[in-house]
Amino acid sequence: MNELKIENRAVNNVRWFQPAYRFVLSSFFFFLFSAFYFCLSPVSAQEPNPLDVAPPPFGLVSKSERSQLDALAEAKKRTKLALELMDLRIKKSEELHARQDFDEMFKELGGFQALVDDMLRFLTRNDNDSRKILDNFKRFEIGLRGFRPRLEIIRRDLPSRYEVYVRNLIKYLRDARTRAVEPFFGDTVLPNRKT
């Protein structure tokens, strides 16, 4: 009788090693491991804590940049100078990023954004359906295209504390390009010519 019970137990134990049971067991343990891993994985590594995000920098054009820009009344020269000053700001940001001086990098990016704002205001204020202003809107939009890849490189390996502002700056740059192209599209197909 005891031999029969031992034999039944041995048969029952052998069933767990059959291929179908092994698959079920391995699937079950894989599921448990996955659930355990994802429950303990830090979700905060993907989404920054709102209290830990660095505040956006002040968007100020420096006094020297302001005096250089105000000295040029012609739209073409001012547009070229503004793009050169933006390029200098991005270069400085790239250098500070390489040194991991993120607070100073933020100040440079804030100045970059202020220059974009200033140039858009200048072109919009002087927009009188003149071909020269439209050419400068186009020149400005083309110049802005080259800054996005450079900002993406900066954003790629920033700590999450600083990454939010740079991501928003990239979106802002896209919107600025859109605003620079808008004067080309009016209510009519042909522009209104002043006689």
C-alpha atoms as a PDB file:
ATOM      1  CA  MET A   1       0.000   0.000   0.000  1.00  0.00           C
ATOM      2  CA  ASN A   2       2.807   2.379   0.893  1.00  0.00           C
ATOM      3  CA  GLU A   3       4.572   1.434  -2.290  1.00  0.00           C
ATOM      4  CA  LEU A   4       1.480   2.421  -4.287  1.00  0.00           C
ATOM      5  CA  LYS A   5       1.318   5.869  -2.612  1.00  0.00           C
ATOM      6  CA  ILE A   6       5.001   6.442  -3.252  1.00  0.00           C
ATOM      7  CA  GLU A   7       4.543   5.359  -6.851  1.00  0.00           C
ATOM      8  CA  ASN A   8       1.555   7.780  -7.297  1.00  0.00           C
ATOM      9  CA  ARG A   9       3.592  10.632  -5.849  1.00  0.00           C
ATOM     10  CA  ALA A  10       6.436   9.842  -8.201  1.00  0.00           C
ATOM     11  CA  VAL A  11       4.046   9.857 -11.163  1.00  0.00           C
ATOM     12  CA  ASN A  12       2.543  13.163 -10.041  1.00  0.00           C
ATOM     13  CA  ASN A  13       6.003  14.709  -9.668  1.00  0.00           C
ATOM     14  CA  VAL A  14       7.007  13.542 -13.126  1.00  0.00           C
ATOM     15  CA  ARG A  15       4.032  15.370 -14.728  1.00  0.00           C
ATOM     16  CA  TRP A  16       5.503  18.751 -13.764  1.00  0.00           C
ATOM     17  CA  PHE A  17       8.508  18.062 -15.926  1.00  0.00           C
ATOM     18  CA  GLN A  18       6.509  17.394 -19.057  1.00  0.00           C
ATOM     19  CA  PRO A  19       6.924  20.078 -21.802  1.00  0.00           C
ATOM     20  CA  ALA A  20       3.426  21.594 -21.404  1.00  0.00           C
ATOM     21  CA  TYR A  21       3.880  22.023 -17.663  1.00  0.00           C
ATOM     22  CA  ARG A  22       7.376  23.430 -18.081  1.00  0.00           C
ATOM     23  CA  PHE A  23       5.998  26.079 -20.473  1.00  0.00           C
ATOM     24  CA  VAL A  24       3.245  27.037 -18.041  1.00  0.00           C
ATOM     25  CA  LEU A  25       5.692  27.233 -15.145  1.00  0.00           C
ATOM     26  CA  SER A  26       8.257  29.252 -17.072  1.00  0.00           C
ATOM     27  CA  SER A  27       5.534  31.650 -18.284  1.00  0.00           C
ATOM     28  CA  PHE A  28       4.254  32.064 -14.744  1.00  0.00           C
ATOM     29  CA  PHE A  29       7.711  32.810 -13.340  1.00  0.00           C
ATOM     30  CA  PHE A  30       8.461  35.183 -16.217  1.00  0.00           C
ATOM     31  CA  PHE A  31       5.224  37.055 -15.498  1.00  0.00           C
ATOM     32  CA  LEU A  32       6.055  37.265 -11.782  1.00  0.00           C
ATOM     33  CA  PHE A  33       9.561  38.499 -12.512  1.00  0.00           C
ATOM     34  CA  SER A  34       8.274  41.110 -15.001  1.00  0.00           C
ATOM     35  CA  ALA A  35       5.628  42.369 -12.595  1.00  0.00           C
ATOM     36  CA  PHE A  36       8.158  42.573  -9.781  1.00  0.00           C
ATOM     37  CA  TYR A  37      10.693  44.380 -11.980  1.00  0.00           C
ATOM     38  CA  PHE A  38       8.247  46.983 -13.306  1.00  0.00           C
ATOM     39  CA  CYS A  39       6.775  47.634  -9.880  1.00  0.00           C
ATOM     40  CA  LEU A  40      10.192  48.408  -8.475  1.00  0.00           C
ATOM     41  CA  SER A  41      11.630  50.256 -11.495  1.00  0.00           C
ATOM     42  CA  PRO A  42      11.905  54.010 -10.912  1.00  0.00           C
ATOM     43  CA  VAL A  43       9.130  55.699 -12.851  1.00  0.00           C
ATOM     44  CA  SER A  44      10.541  59.069 -11.796  1.00  0.00           C
ATOM     45  CA  ALA A  45      13.579  58.474 -14.016  1.00  0.00           C
ATOM     46  CA  GLN A  46      11.359  58.990 -17.056  1.00  0.00           C
ATOM     47  CA  GLU A  47       9.170  61.823 -15.751  1.00  0.00           C
ATOM     48  CA  PRO A  48      10.944  64.536 -13.770  1.00  0.00           C
ATOM     49  CA  ASN A  49       9.517  65.584 -10.466  1.00  0.00           C
ATOM     50  CA  PRO A  50       7.784  68.967 -11.036  1.00  0.00           C
ATOM     51  CA  LEU A  51       9.403  70.321  -7.890  1.00  0.00           C
ATOM     52  CA  ASP A  52      12.869  69.360  -9.119  1.00  0.00           C
ATOM     53  CA  VAL A  53      12.642  71.032 -12.564  1.00  0.00           C
ATOM     54  CA  ALA A  54      14.939  74.030 -13.054  1.00  0.00           C
ATOM     55  CA  PRO A  55      12.988  77.257 -13.635  1.00  0.00           C
ATOM     56  CA  PRO A  56      13.289  78.731 -17.116  1.00  0.00           C
ATOM     57  CA  PRO A  57      15.943  81.429 -17.493  1.00  0.00           C
ATOM     58  CA  PHE A  58      15.227  85.101 -17.953  1.00  0.00           C
ATOM     59  CA  GLY A  59      15.085  85.982 -21.602  1.00  0.00           C
ATOM     60  CA  LEU A  60      17.225  89.098 -21.743  1.00  0.00           C
ATOM     61  CA  VAL A  61      19.172  90.587 -24.610  1.00  0.00           C
ATOM     62  CA  SER A  62      22.483  91.891 -23.262  1.00  0.00           C
ATOM     63  CA  LYS A  63      23.300  95.615 -23.431  1.00  0.00           C
ATOM     64  CA  SER A  64      26.031  95.098 -26.003  1.00  0.00           C
ATOM     65  CA  GLU A  65      23.729  93.003 -28.192  1.00  0.00           C
ATOM     66  CA  ARG A  66      20.978  95.612 -27.832  1.00  0.00           C
ATOM     67  CA  SER A  67      23.299  98.453 -28.842  1.00  0.00           C
ATOM     68  CA  GLN A  68      24.571  96.479 -31.860  1.00  0.00           C
ATOM     69  CA  LEU A  69      21.037  95.675 -33.000  1.00  0.00           C
ATOM     70  CA  ASP A  70      19.686  99.189 -32.449  1.00  0.00           C
ATOM     71  CA  ALA A  71      22.573 100.653 -34.452  1.00  0.00           C
ATOM     72  CA  LEU A  72      21.254  98.867 -37.550  1.00  0.00           C
ATOM     73  CA  ALA A  73      17.978 100.183 -38.938  1.00  0.00           C
ATOM     74  CA  GLU A  74      18.150  98.260 -42.216  1.00  0.00           C
ATOM     75  CA  ALA A  75      16.237  94.987 -41.890  1.00  0.00           C
ATOM     76  CA  LYS A  76      18.692  92.866 -43.892  1.00  0.00           C
ATOM     77  CA  LYS A  77      21.744  93.838 -41.832  1.00  0.00           C
ATOM     78  CA  ARG A  78      19.833  93.554 -38.579  1.00  0.00           C
ATOM     79  CA  THR A  79      18.544  90.071 -39.495  1.00  0.00           C
ATOM     80  CA  LYS A  80      22.042  88.871 -40.355  1.00  0.00           C
ATOM     81  CA  LEU A  81      23.461  90.327 -37.138  1.00  0.00           C
ATOM     82  CA  ALA A  82      20.680  88.767 -35.035  1.00  0.00           C
ATOM     83  CA  LEU A  83      21.375  85.342 -36.563  1.00  0.00           C
ATOM     84  CA  GLU A  84      25.113  85.766 -35.858  1.00  0.00           C
ATOM     85  CA  LEU A  85      24.392  86.713 -32.233  1.00  0.00           C
ATOM     86  CA  MET A  86      22.086  83.691 -31.863  1.00  0.00           C
ATOM     87  CA  ASP A  87      24.813  81.471 -33.275  1.00  0.00           C
ATOM     88  CA  LEU A  88      27.272  82.862 -30.703  1.00  0.00           C
ATOM     89  CA  ARG A  89      24.785  82.135 -27.919  1.00  0.00           C
ATOM     90  CA  ILE A  90      24.318  78.544 -29.086  1.00  0.00           C
ATOM     91  CA  LYS A  91      28.104  78.036 -29.392  1.00  0.00           C
ATOM     92  CA  LYS A  92      28.560  79.303 -25.846  1.00  0.00           C
ATOM     93  CA  SER A  93      25.747  76.999 -24.674  1.00  0.00           C
ATOM     94  CA  GLU A  94      27.425  74.027 -26.348  1.00  0.00           C
ATOM     95  CA  GLU A  95      30.724  74.844 -24.610  1.00  0.00           C
ATOM     96  CA  LEU A  96      29.019  75.197 -21.223  1.00  0.00           C
ATOM     97  CA  HIS A  97      27.131  71.966 -21.829  1.00  0.00           C
ATOM     98  CA  ALA A  98      30.416  70.158 -22.501  1.00  0.00           C
ATOM     99  CA  ARG A  99      31.751  71.488 -19.170  1.00  0.00           C
ATOM    100  CA  GLN A 100      28.449  70.532 -17.475  1.00  0.00           C
ATOM    101  CA  ASP A 101      27.863  74.095 -16.287  1.00  0.00           C
ATOM    102  CA  PHE A 102      24.128  73.833 -16.809  1.00  0.00           C
ATOM    103  CA  ASP A 103      23.079  76.999 -14.955  1.00  0.00           C
ATOM    104  CA  GLU A 104      25.244  79.217 -17.171  1.00  0.00           C
ATOM    105  CA  MET A 105      24.104  77.239 -20.212  1.00  0.00           C
ATOM    106  CA  PHE A 106      20.534  78.107 -19.239  1.00  0.00           C
ATOM    107  CA  LYS A 107      21.368  81.817 -19.189  1.00  0.00           C
ATOM    108  CA  GLU A 108      22.801  81.588 -22.695  1.00  0.00           C
ATOM    109  CA  LEU A 109      19.743  79.741 -23.962  1.00  0.00           C
ATOM    110  CA  GLY A 110      17.502  82.366 -22.361  1.00  0.00           C
ATOM    111  CA  GLY A 111      19.453  85.053 -24.238  1.00  0.00           C
ATOM    112  CA  PHE A 112      19.064  83.028 -27.429  1.00  0.00           C
ATOM    113  CA  GLN A 113      15.298  82.917 -26.968  1.00  0.00           C
ATOM    114  CA  ALA A 114      15.232  86.670 -26.256  1.00  0.00           C
ATOM    115  CA  LEU A 115      17.073  87.350 -29.524  1.00  0.00           C
ATOM    116  CA  VAL A 116      14.534  85.255 -31.440  1.00  0.00           C
ATOM    117  CA  ASP A 117      11.694  87.224 -29.815  1.00  0.00           C
ATOM    118  CA  ASP A 118      13.353  90.546 -30.491  1.00  0.00           C
ATOM    119  CA  MET A 119      13.928  89.793 -34.163  1.00  0.00           C
ATOM    120  CA  LEU A 120      10.368  88.573 -34.692  1.00  0.00           C
ATOM    121  CA  ARG A 121       9.030  91.739 -33.043  1.00  0.00           C
ATOM    122  CA  PHE A 122      11.255  93.924 -35.226  1.00  0.00           C
ATOM    123  CA  LEU A 123      10.210  92.220 -38.457  1.00  0.00           C
ATOM    124  CA  THR A 124       6.515  92.184 -37.510  1.00  0.00           C
ATOM    125  CA  ARG A 125       6.599  95.848 -36.493  1.00  0.00           C
ATOM    126  CA  ASN A 126       8.184  96.830 -39.831  1.00  0.00           C
ATOM    127  CA  ASP A 127       6.007  94.545 -41.927  1.00  0.00           C
ATOM    128  CA  ASN A 128       4.366  96.873 -44.444  1.00  0.00           C
ATOM    129  CA  ASP A 129       3.889  94.317 -47.237  1.00  0.00           C
ATOM    130  CA  SER A 130       7.293  95.291 -48.562  1.00  0.00           C
ATOM    131  CA  ARG A 131       9.277  92.706 -50.494  1.00  0.00           C
ATOM    132  CA  LYS A 132      12.388  93.522 -48.423  1.00  0.00           C
ATOM    133  CA  ILE A 133      10.701  92.607 -45.150  1.00  0.00           C
ATOM    134  CA  LEU A 134       9.324  89.394 -46.641  1.00  0.00           C
ATOM    135  CA  ASP A 135      12.848  88.496 -47.806  1.00  0.00           C
ATOM    136  CA  ASN A 136      14.088  89.034 -44.263  1.00  0.00           C
ATOM    137  CA  PHE A 137      11.328  86.907 -42.794  1.00  0.00           C
ATOM    138  CA  LYS A 138      12.481  84.179 -45.185  1.00  0.00           C
ATOM    139  CA  ARG A 139      16.164  84.733 -44.320  1.00  0.00           C
ATOM    140  CA  PHE A 140      15.311  84.588 -40.613  1.00  0.00           C
ATOM    141  CA  GLU A 141      13.273  81.386 -40.960  1.00  0.00           C
ATOM    142  CA  ILE A 142      16.041  79.693 -42.937  1.00  0.00           C
ATOM    143  CA  GLY A 143      18.573  80.787 -40.320  1.00  0.00           C
ATOM    144  CA  LEU A 144      16.458  79.321 -37.506  1.00  0.00           C
ATOM    145  CA  ARG A 145      16.442  75.889 -39.166  1.00  0.00           C
ATOM    146  CA  GLY A 146      20.061  75.209 -38.261  1.00  0.00           C
ATOM    147  CA  PHE A 147      19.536  75.741 -34.533  1.00  0.00           C
ATOM    148  CA  ARG A 148      17.132  72.869 -33.887  1.00  0.00           C
ATOM    149  CA  PRO A 149      19.638  70.008 -34.455  1.00  0.00           C
ATOM    150  CA  ARG A 150      22.141  71.763 -32.221  1.00  0.00           C
ATOM    151  CA  LEU A 151      19.547  72.137 -29.468  1.00  0.00           C
ATOM    152  CA  GLU A 152      18.610  68.482 -29.858  1.00  0.00           C
ATOM    153  CA  ILE A 153      22.258  67.509 -29.315  1.00  0.00           C
ATOM    154  CA  ILE A 154      22.338  69.639 -26.164  1.00  0.00           C
ATOM    155  CA  ARG A 155      19.056  68.137 -24.927  1.00  0.00           C
ATOM    156  CA  ARG A 156      20.072  64.552 -25.629  1.00  0.00           C
ATOM    157  CA  ASP A 157      22.153  63.987 -22.507  1.00  0.00           C
ATOM    158  CA  LEU A 158      20.968  66.703 -20.138  1.00  0.00           C
ATOM    159  CA  PRO A 159      19.829  65.785 -16.634  1.00  0.00           C
ATOM    160  CA  SER A 160      16.043  65.658 -16.438  1.00  0.00           C
ATOM    161  CA  ARG A 161      16.090  68.786 -14.251  1.00  0.00           C
ATOM    162  CA  TYR A 162      17.265  70.875 -17.233  1.00  0.00           C
ATOM    163  CA  GLU A 163      15.836  68.868 -20.111  1.00  0.00           C
ATOM    164  CA  VAL A 164      12.280  70.230 -19.802  1.00  0.00           C
ATOM    165  CA  TYR A 165      13.220  73.813 -20.698  1.00  0.00           C
ATOM    166  CA  VAL A 166      15.369  72.783 -23.660  1.00  0.00           C
ATOM    167  CA  ARG A 167      12.545  70.585 -24.972  1.00  0.00           C
ATOM    168  CA  ASN A 168      10.158  73.556 -24.670  1.00  0.00           C
ATOM    169  CA  LEU A 169      12.723  75.808 -26.369  1.00  0.00           C
ATOM    170  CA  ILE A 170      12.826  73.427 -29.334  1.00  0.00           C
ATOM    171  CA  LYS A 171       9.027  73.635 -29.590  1.00  0.00           C
ATOM    172  CA  TYR A 172       9.237  77.422 -29.283  1.00  0.00           C
ATOM    173  CA  LEU A 173      11.775  77.515 -32.122  1.00  0.00           C
ATOM    174  CA  ARG A 174       9.394  75.543 -34.317  1.00  0.00           C
ATOM    175  CA  ASP A 175       6.604  78.022 -33.517  1.00  0.00           C
ATOM    176  CA  ALA A 176       8.943  80.958 -34.246  1.00  0.00           C
ATOM    177  CA  ARG A 177       9.696  79.499 -37.668  1.00  0.00           C
ATOM    178  CA  THR A 178       5.963  79.207 -38.287  1.00  0.00           C
ATOM    179  CA  ARG A 179       5.431  82.851 -37.288  1.00  0.00           C
ATOM    180  CA  ALA A 180       8.260  83.898 -39.612  1.00  0.00           C
ATOM    181  CA  VAL A 181       6.562  82.169 -42.560  1.00  0.00           C
ATOM    182  CA  GLU A 182       3.014  83.420 -41.845  1.00  0.00           C
ATOM    183  CA  PRO A 183       3.434  86.801 -43.619  1.00  0.00           C
ATOM    184  CA  PHE A 184       3.847  84.937 -46.903  1.00  0.00           C
ATOM    185  CA  PHE A 185       0.304  83.603 -46.640  1.00  0.00           C
ATOM    186  CA  GLY A 186      -2.366  86.271 -46.746  1.00  0.00           C
ATOM    187  CA  ASP A 187      -6.042  86.392 -47.566  1.00  0.00           C
ATOM    188  CA  THR A 188      -5.364  86.733 -51.270  1.00  0.00           C
ATOM    189  CA  VAL A 189      -3.222  84.852 -53.724  1.00  0.00           C
ATOM    190  CA  LEU A 190      -1.520  87.998 -55.017  1.00  0.00           C
ATOM    191  CA  PRO A 191      -0.117  90.552 -52.565  1.00  0.00           C
ATOM    192  CA  ASN A 192      -1.801  93.921 -52.390  1.00  0.00           C
ATOM    193  CA  ARG A 193       0.420  96.397 -54.223  1.00  0.00           C
ATOM    194  CA  LYS A 194       0.436  99.999 -53.094  1.00  0.00           C
ATOM    195  CA  THR A 195       0.033 102.349 -56.043  1.00  0.00           C
END
